[in-house]
Amino acid sequence: MDIKTSHTRLLVADLKACFEFYRDVMEFMVAMEALEDGYAEFSTPGMKLSLFRRQEMAEMIGSDRPPVTVECQDKVSLIFTIANVDEAYHRLKVKGANFVTEPLNNPYYALKTVYLRDPDGTLIGLFEPMM
């Protein structure tokens, strides 16, 4: 079996809020905007990110009987490499981004990191190599 990465899909409760977050706060380039159909897609260097309504996916695959909003630990974290964590932190904070941490140095991995959440609670890590 030949498997290649297609894209990352986030199953979200509030499609409009998440779409606006990735478009306006993270400044991702919109590749497809079909909010009325429950779908949006962004292009970033090296990956595609799509948003899909969680409830519609649950109905599509027949898992809509259990609650789709069960509280749990993070199961997904989107990680992006950037040039300057401090600059991004200040720019995104002004735009209202919900940060989980302030910028942190991680000498073990030679990274500077900061973590934030999108409006649906998805954990996002921004990494800057410290080399």
N, C-alpha and C. Protein backbone atom coordinates (compact mmCIF):
# COMPACT_ATOMS: atom_id res chain seq x y z
N MET A 1 0.84 -1.18 0.00
CA MET A 1 0.00 0.00 0.00
C MET A 1 0.89 1.24 0.00
N ASP A 2 0.63 2.14 -0.93
CA ASP A 2 1.39 3.39 -1.05
C ASP A 2 0.57 4.51 -0.42
N ILE A 3 1.01 4.99 0.73
CA ILE A 3 0.27 6.03 1.45
C ILE A 3 1.04 7.34 1.40
N LYS A 4 0.32 8.41 1.05
CA LYS A 4 0.91 9.75 1.04
C LYS A 4 -0.02 10.68 1.80
N THR A 5 0.53 11.66 2.38
CA THR A 5 -0.27 12.64 3.09
C THR A 5 -1.13 13.42 2.11
N SER A 6 -2.40 13.54 2.43
CA SER A 6 -3.31 14.34 1.62
C SER A 6 -3.46 15.72 2.24
N HIS A 7 -4.05 15.75 3.43
CA HIS A 7 -4.23 17.00 4.17
C HIS A 7 -4.64 16.68 5.60
N THR A 8 -4.63 17.68 6.41
CA THR A 8 -5.11 17.56 7.78
C THR A 8 -6.52 18.14 7.82
N ARG A 9 -7.44 17.39 8.39
CA ARG A 9 -8.83 17.84 8.51
C ARG A 9 -9.18 17.97 9.98
N LEU A 10 -9.65 19.14 10.36
CA LEU A 10 -10.14 19.36 11.71
C LEU A 10 -11.66 19.26 11.70
N LEU A 11 -12.20 18.44 12.58
CA LEU A 11 -13.64 18.30 12.72
C LEU A 11 -14.07 19.27 13.81
N VAL A 12 -14.79 20.31 13.41
CA VAL A 12 -15.05 21.43 14.32
C VAL A 12 -16.54 21.61 14.59
N ALA A 13 -16.84 22.18 15.75
CA ALA A 13 -18.23 22.47 16.11
C ALA A 13 -18.68 23.80 15.52
N ASP A 14 -17.81 24.80 15.52
CA ASP A 14 -18.16 26.13 15.02
C ASP A 14 -17.33 26.43 13.78
N LEU A 15 -17.84 26.02 12.63
CA LEU A 15 -17.11 26.16 11.37
C LEU A 15 -16.77 27.62 11.07
N LYS A 16 -17.73 28.51 11.22
CA LYS A 16 -17.51 29.92 10.89
C LYS A 16 -16.41 30.53 11.77
N ALA A 17 -16.46 30.30 13.07
CA ALA A 17 -15.44 30.85 13.98
C ALA A 17 -14.07 30.29 13.66
N CYS A 18 -13.99 28.99 13.39
CA CYS A 18 -12.69 28.39 13.06
C CYS A 18 -12.18 28.89 11.72
N PHE A 19 -13.09 29.02 10.74
CA PHE A 19 -12.69 29.56 9.43
C PHE A 19 -12.11 30.96 9.60
N GLU A 20 -12.80 31.82 10.33
CA GLU A 20 -12.32 33.19 10.54
C GLU A 20 -11.00 33.21 11.29
N PHE A 21 -10.83 32.31 12.25
CA PHE A 21 -9.58 32.23 13.00
C PHE A 21 -8.40 31.91 12.07
N TYR A 22 -8.53 30.85 11.28
CA TYR A 22 -7.42 30.45 10.41
C TYR A 22 -7.19 31.46 9.28
N ARG A 23 -8.25 32.12 8.82
CA ARG A 23 -8.11 33.13 7.77
C ARG A 23 -7.57 34.46 8.32
N ASP A 24 -8.17 34.97 9.40
CA ASP A 24 -7.88 36.32 9.86
C ASP A 24 -6.77 36.39 10.90
N VAL A 25 -6.71 35.44 11.80
CA VAL A 25 -5.71 35.47 12.86
C VAL A 25 -4.42 34.80 12.40
N MET A 26 -4.53 33.56 11.91
CA MET A 26 -3.35 32.83 11.45
C MET A 26 -2.90 33.26 10.05
N GLU A 27 -3.79 33.95 9.32
CA GLU A 27 -3.51 34.47 7.99
C GLU A 27 -3.17 33.38 6.96
N PHE A 28 -3.89 32.25 7.04
CA PHE A 28 -3.72 31.19 6.07
C PHE A 28 -4.46 31.59 4.78
N MET A 29 -3.93 31.15 3.64
CA MET A 29 -4.54 31.43 2.35
C MET A 29 -5.74 30.50 2.13
N VAL A 30 -6.89 31.08 1.85
CA VAL A 30 -8.11 30.30 1.62
C VAL A 30 -8.03 29.65 0.26
N ALA A 31 -8.16 28.31 0.23
CA ALA A 31 -8.17 27.57 -1.02
C ALA A 31 -9.60 27.26 -1.45
N MET A 32 -10.49 27.07 -0.46
CA MET A 32 -11.90 26.80 -0.75
C MET A 32 -12.73 27.27 0.43
N GLU A 33 -13.78 28.00 0.13
CA GLU A 33 -14.71 28.47 1.16
C GLU A 33 -16.11 28.03 0.78
N ALA A 34 -16.59 26.98 1.45
CA ALA A 34 -17.94 26.48 1.22
C ALA A 34 -18.61 26.28 2.57
N LEU A 35 -18.68 27.37 3.33
CA LEU A 35 -19.20 27.29 4.70
C LEU A 35 -20.64 26.78 4.73
N GLU A 36 -21.45 27.18 3.74
CA GLU A 36 -22.84 26.71 3.71
C GLU A 36 -22.91 25.20 3.51
N ASP A 37 -21.89 24.61 2.91
CA ASP A 37 -21.83 23.17 2.72
C ASP A 37 -21.06 22.46 3.84
N GLY A 38 -20.54 23.24 4.79
CA GLY A 38 -19.86 22.65 5.93
C GLY A 38 -18.39 22.35 5.71
N TYR A 39 -17.75 23.07 4.78
CA TYR A 39 -16.36 22.75 4.46
C TYR A 39 -15.57 24.01 4.12
N ALA A 40 -14.30 24.01 4.50
CA ALA A 40 -13.37 25.07 4.10
C ALA A 40 -11.99 24.44 4.02
N GLU A 41 -11.13 25.05 3.19
CA GLU A 41 -9.79 24.51 3.01
C GLU A 41 -8.79 25.66 2.89
N PHE A 42 -7.62 25.46 3.48
CA PHE A 42 -6.55 26.45 3.45
C PHE A 42 -5.29 25.81 2.88
N SER A 43 -4.48 26.63 2.22
CA SER A 43 -3.17 26.19 1.75
C SER A 43 -2.10 26.89 2.58
N THR A 44 -1.19 26.11 3.07
CA THR A 44 -0.01 26.64 3.76
C THR A 44 1.18 25.93 3.14
N PRO A 45 2.35 26.51 3.20
CA PRO A 45 3.51 25.82 2.63
C PRO A 45 3.68 24.44 3.27
N GLY A 46 3.66 23.43 2.45
CA GLY A 46 3.91 22.07 2.92
C GLY A 46 2.69 21.29 3.38
N MET A 47 1.50 21.90 3.43
CA MET A 47 0.31 21.15 3.84
C MET A 47 -0.96 21.86 3.44
N LYS A 48 -2.05 21.08 3.41
CA LYS A 48 -3.39 21.63 3.27
C LYS A 48 -4.10 21.39 4.59
N LEU A 49 -4.89 22.34 5.02
CA LEU A 49 -5.69 22.22 6.23
C LEU A 49 -7.14 22.42 5.84
N SER A 50 -7.99 21.46 6.21
CA SER A 50 -9.41 21.64 5.92
C SER A 50 -10.20 21.61 7.21
N LEU A 51 -11.35 22.27 7.17
CA LEU A 51 -12.29 22.30 8.29
C LEU A 51 -13.58 21.65 7.82
N PHE A 52 -14.15 20.81 8.67
CA PHE A 52 -15.37 20.09 8.33
C PHE A 52 -16.23 20.06 9.58
N ARG A 53 -17.53 20.23 9.43
CA ARG A 53 -18.42 20.21 10.60
C ARG A 53 -18.38 18.84 11.27
N ARG A 54 -18.08 18.85 12.57
CA ARG A 54 -17.97 17.62 13.36
C ARG A 54 -19.26 16.80 13.30
N GLN A 55 -20.41 17.45 13.46
CA GLN A 55 -21.67 16.72 13.48
C GLN A 55 -21.94 16.04 12.14
N GLU A 56 -21.61 16.71 11.04
CA GLU A 56 -21.83 16.11 9.72
C GLU A 56 -20.95 14.88 9.52
N MET A 57 -19.70 14.95 9.99
CA MET A 57 -18.82 13.78 9.87
C MET A 57 -19.36 12.64 10.72
N ALA A 58 -19.83 12.95 11.93
CA ALA A 58 -20.39 11.91 12.80
C ALA A 58 -21.58 11.24 12.13
N GLU A 59 -22.44 12.04 11.49
CA GLU A 59 -23.59 11.48 10.78
C GLU A 59 -23.15 10.65 9.58
N MET A 60 -22.13 11.14 8.87
CA MET A 60 -21.65 10.46 7.67
C MET A 60 -21.11 9.06 7.99
N ILE A 61 -20.39 8.93 9.10
CA ILE A 61 -19.78 7.63 9.41
C ILE A 61 -20.59 6.84 10.44
N GLY A 62 -21.76 7.37 10.83
CA GLY A 62 -22.65 6.64 11.73
C GLY A 62 -22.24 6.67 13.19
N SER A 63 -21.48 7.65 13.59
CA SER A 63 -21.08 7.73 15.00
C SER A 63 -21.77 8.88 15.71
N ASP A 64 -22.96 9.27 15.21
CA ASP A 64 -23.65 10.42 15.78
C ASP A 64 -24.50 10.07 17.00
N ARG A 65 -24.50 8.83 17.43
CA ARG A 65 -25.25 8.48 18.62
C ARG A 65 -24.58 8.95 19.90
N PRO A 66 -23.25 8.72 20.07
CA PRO A 66 -22.60 9.28 21.27
C PRO A 66 -22.46 10.80 21.12
N PRO A 67 -22.36 11.52 22.23
CA PRO A 67 -22.17 12.97 22.12
C PRO A 67 -20.86 13.30 21.43
N VAL A 68 -20.88 14.31 20.55
CA VAL A 68 -19.67 14.69 19.82
C VAL A 68 -18.83 15.70 20.60
N THR A 69 -19.31 16.13 21.76
CA THR A 69 -18.59 17.14 22.53
C THR A 69 -18.05 16.58 23.84
N VAL A 70 -17.71 15.31 23.87
CA VAL A 70 -17.18 14.69 25.07
C VAL A 70 -15.86 15.37 25.45
N GLU A 71 -15.74 15.76 26.72
CA GLU A 71 -14.51 16.37 27.20
C GLU A 71 -13.41 15.31 27.28
N CYS A 72 -12.22 15.64 26.79
CA CYS A 72 -11.11 14.70 26.84
C CYS A 72 -9.80 15.46 26.70
N GLN A 73 -8.71 14.74 26.86
CA GLN A 73 -7.39 15.32 26.63
C GLN A 73 -7.24 15.60 25.14
N ASP A 74 -6.28 16.49 24.82
CA ASP A 74 -6.04 16.79 23.40
C ASP A 74 -5.66 15.51 22.66
N LYS A 75 -6.23 15.33 21.49
CA LYS A 75 -5.90 14.19 20.65
C LYS A 75 -5.18 14.62 19.39
N VAL A 76 -5.20 15.92 19.11
CA VAL A 76 -4.55 16.46 17.91
C VAL A 76 -3.87 17.76 18.29
N SER A 77 -2.71 17.96 17.73
CA SER A 77 -2.03 19.24 17.86
C SER A 77 -1.45 19.57 16.50
N LEU A 78 -1.78 20.73 15.99
CA LEU A 78 -1.20 21.19 14.73
C LEU A 78 0.10 21.90 15.06
N ILE A 79 1.18 21.51 14.39
CA ILE A 79 2.50 22.09 14.66
C ILE A 79 2.98 22.79 13.40
N PHE A 80 3.38 24.05 13.56
CA PHE A 80 3.89 24.83 12.45
C PHE A 80 5.25 25.39 12.82
N THR A 81 6.19 25.35 11.89
CA THR A 81 7.50 25.96 12.07
C THR A 81 7.43 27.39 11.56
N ILE A 82 7.93 28.32 12.37
CA ILE A 82 7.92 29.74 11.98
C ILE A 82 9.30 30.33 12.24
N ALA A 83 9.54 31.52 11.72
CA ALA A 83 10.86 32.15 11.84
C ALA A 83 11.07 32.83 13.19
N ASN A 84 10.00 33.38 13.79
CA ASN A 84 10.18 34.15 15.01
C ASN A 84 8.96 33.98 15.92
N VAL A 85 9.12 33.18 16.97
CA VAL A 85 8.02 32.89 17.89
C VAL A 85 7.57 34.15 18.62
N ASP A 86 8.51 34.95 19.11
CA ASP A 86 8.13 36.15 19.87
C ASP A 86 7.31 37.11 19.02
N GLU A 87 7.74 37.33 17.79
CA GLU A 87 7.02 38.22 16.89
C GLU A 87 5.61 37.69 16.62
N ALA A 88 5.51 36.41 16.34
CA ALA A 88 4.20 35.80 16.08
C ALA A 88 3.31 35.89 17.31
N TYR A 89 3.88 35.62 18.48
CA TYR A 89 3.12 35.68 19.73
C TYR A 89 2.49 37.06 19.91
N HIS A 90 3.27 38.11 19.75
CA HIS A 90 2.76 39.46 19.96
C HIS A 90 1.74 39.85 18.88
N ARG A 91 2.00 39.48 17.65
CA ARG A 91 1.09 39.80 16.55
C ARG A 91 -0.25 39.09 16.71
N LEU A 92 -0.20 37.79 17.09
CA LEU A 92 -1.43 37.02 17.24
C LEU A 92 -2.19 37.41 18.51
N LYS A 93 -1.46 37.78 19.55
CA LYS A 93 -2.11 38.19 20.80
C LYS A 93 -2.95 39.45 20.58
N VAL A 94 -2.43 40.39 19.79
CA VAL A 94 -3.17 41.61 19.46
C VAL A 94 -4.47 41.27 18.72
N LYS A 95 -4.44 40.18 17.94
CA LYS A 95 -5.62 39.77 17.19
C LYS A 95 -6.59 38.93 18.03
N GLY A 96 -6.26 38.72 19.29
CA GLY A 96 -7.17 38.01 20.18
C GLY A 96 -6.96 36.51 20.27
N ALA A 97 -5.82 36.01 19.82
CA ALA A 97 -5.56 34.57 19.90
C ALA A 97 -5.54 34.12 21.35
N ASN A 98 -6.02 32.92 21.59
CA ASN A 98 -6.12 32.33 22.92
C ASN A 98 -4.87 31.48 23.20
N PHE A 99 -3.88 32.06 23.83
CA PHE A 99 -2.62 31.36 24.11
C PHE A 99 -2.72 30.51 25.36
N VAL A 100 -2.13 29.31 25.28
CA VAL A 100 -2.05 28.39 26.40
C VAL A 100 -0.77 28.64 27.18
N THR A 101 0.29 29.05 26.47
CA THR A 101 1.57 29.35 27.10
C THR A 101 2.10 30.66 26.53
N GLU A 102 3.08 31.19 27.20
CA GLU A 102 3.88 32.27 26.64
C GLU A 102 5.02 31.58 25.90
N PRO A 103 5.79 32.31 25.08
CA PRO A 103 6.92 31.68 24.40
C PRO A 103 7.88 31.03 25.40
N LEU A 104 8.28 29.80 25.07
CA LEU A 104 9.15 29.01 25.94
C LEU A 104 10.37 28.53 25.16
N ASN A 105 11.52 28.55 25.80
CA ASN A 105 12.72 27.94 25.21
C ASN A 105 12.77 26.49 25.62
N ASN A 106 13.02 25.62 24.67
CA ASN A 106 13.15 24.20 24.94
C ASN A 106 14.53 23.77 24.45
N PRO A 107 15.56 23.94 25.29
CA PRO A 107 16.92 23.62 24.83
C PRO A 107 17.11 22.14 24.51
N TYR A 108 16.33 21.27 25.11
CA TYR A 108 16.46 19.83 24.84
C TYR A 108 16.22 19.53 23.36
N TYR A 109 15.22 20.19 22.78
CA TYR A 109 14.91 20.00 21.36
C TYR A 109 15.42 21.14 20.49
N ALA A 110 16.13 22.10 21.08
CA ALA A 110 16.66 23.27 20.38
C ALA A 110 15.54 24.03 19.67
N LEU A 111 14.44 24.26 20.40
CA LEU A 111 13.27 24.96 19.86
C LEU A 111 12.80 26.04 20.81
N LYS A 112 12.23 27.08 20.25
CA LYS A 112 11.43 28.03 21.00
C LYS A 112 10.00 27.73 20.60
N THR A 113 9.10 27.65 21.56
CA THR A 113 7.73 27.25 21.26
C THR A 113 6.72 28.16 21.94
N VAL A 114 5.52 28.16 21.41
CA VAL A 114 4.36 28.78 22.05
C VAL A 114 3.14 27.98 21.59
N TYR A 115 2.17 27.86 22.49
CA TYR A 115 0.97 27.09 22.18
C TYR A 115 -0.27 27.97 22.34
N LEU A 116 -1.21 27.78 21.41
CA LEU A 116 -2.48 28.49 21.45
C LEU A 116 -3.58 27.54 21.02
N ARG A 117 -4.83 28.00 21.14
CA ARG A 117 -5.97 27.19 20.72
C ARG A 117 -6.82 27.97 19.73
N ASP A 118 -7.40 27.23 18.79
CA ASP A 118 -8.37 27.86 17.89
C ASP A 118 -9.71 27.94 18.61
N PRO A 119 -10.74 28.55 18.02
CA PRO A 119 -12.02 28.69 18.71
C PRO A 119 -12.70 27.37 19.08
N ASP A 120 -12.31 26.29 18.43
CA ASP A 120 -12.90 24.99 18.74
C ASP A 120 -12.07 24.23 19.77
N GLY A 121 -10.96 24.80 20.23
CA GLY A 121 -10.12 24.17 21.26
C GLY A 121 -8.95 23.37 20.73
N THR A 122 -8.75 23.31 19.42
CA THR A 122 -7.63 22.56 18.86
C THR A 122 -6.32 23.22 19.28
N LEU A 123 -5.41 22.41 19.78
CA LEU A 123 -4.10 22.89 20.23
C LEU A 123 -3.20 23.13 19.03
N ILE A 124 -2.56 24.31 19.00
CA ILE A 124 -1.66 24.69 17.92
C ILE A 124 -0.31 25.04 18.53
N GLY A 125 0.76 24.44 18.00
CA GLY A 125 2.10 24.76 18.45
C GLY A 125 2.85 25.50 17.36
N LEU A 126 3.50 26.59 17.74
CA LEU A 126 4.37 27.33 16.82
C LEU A 126 5.81 27.11 17.27
N PHE A 127 6.64 26.59 16.39
CA PHE A 127 8.03 26.22 16.74
C PHE A 127 9.01 27.06 15.95
N GLU A 128 10.06 27.51 16.63
CA GLU A 128 11.16 28.23 16.00
C GLU A 128 12.45 27.48 16.32
N PRO A 129 13.16 26.99 15.30
CA PRO A 129 14.45 26.33 15.58
C PRO A 129 15.41 27.33 16.22
N MET A 130 16.16 26.88 17.24
CA MET A 130 17.10 27.75 17.95
C MET A 130 18.53 27.47 17.52
N MET A 131 18.78 27.24 16.26
CA MET A 131 20.13 26.93 15.80
C MET A 131 20.78 28.10 15.18
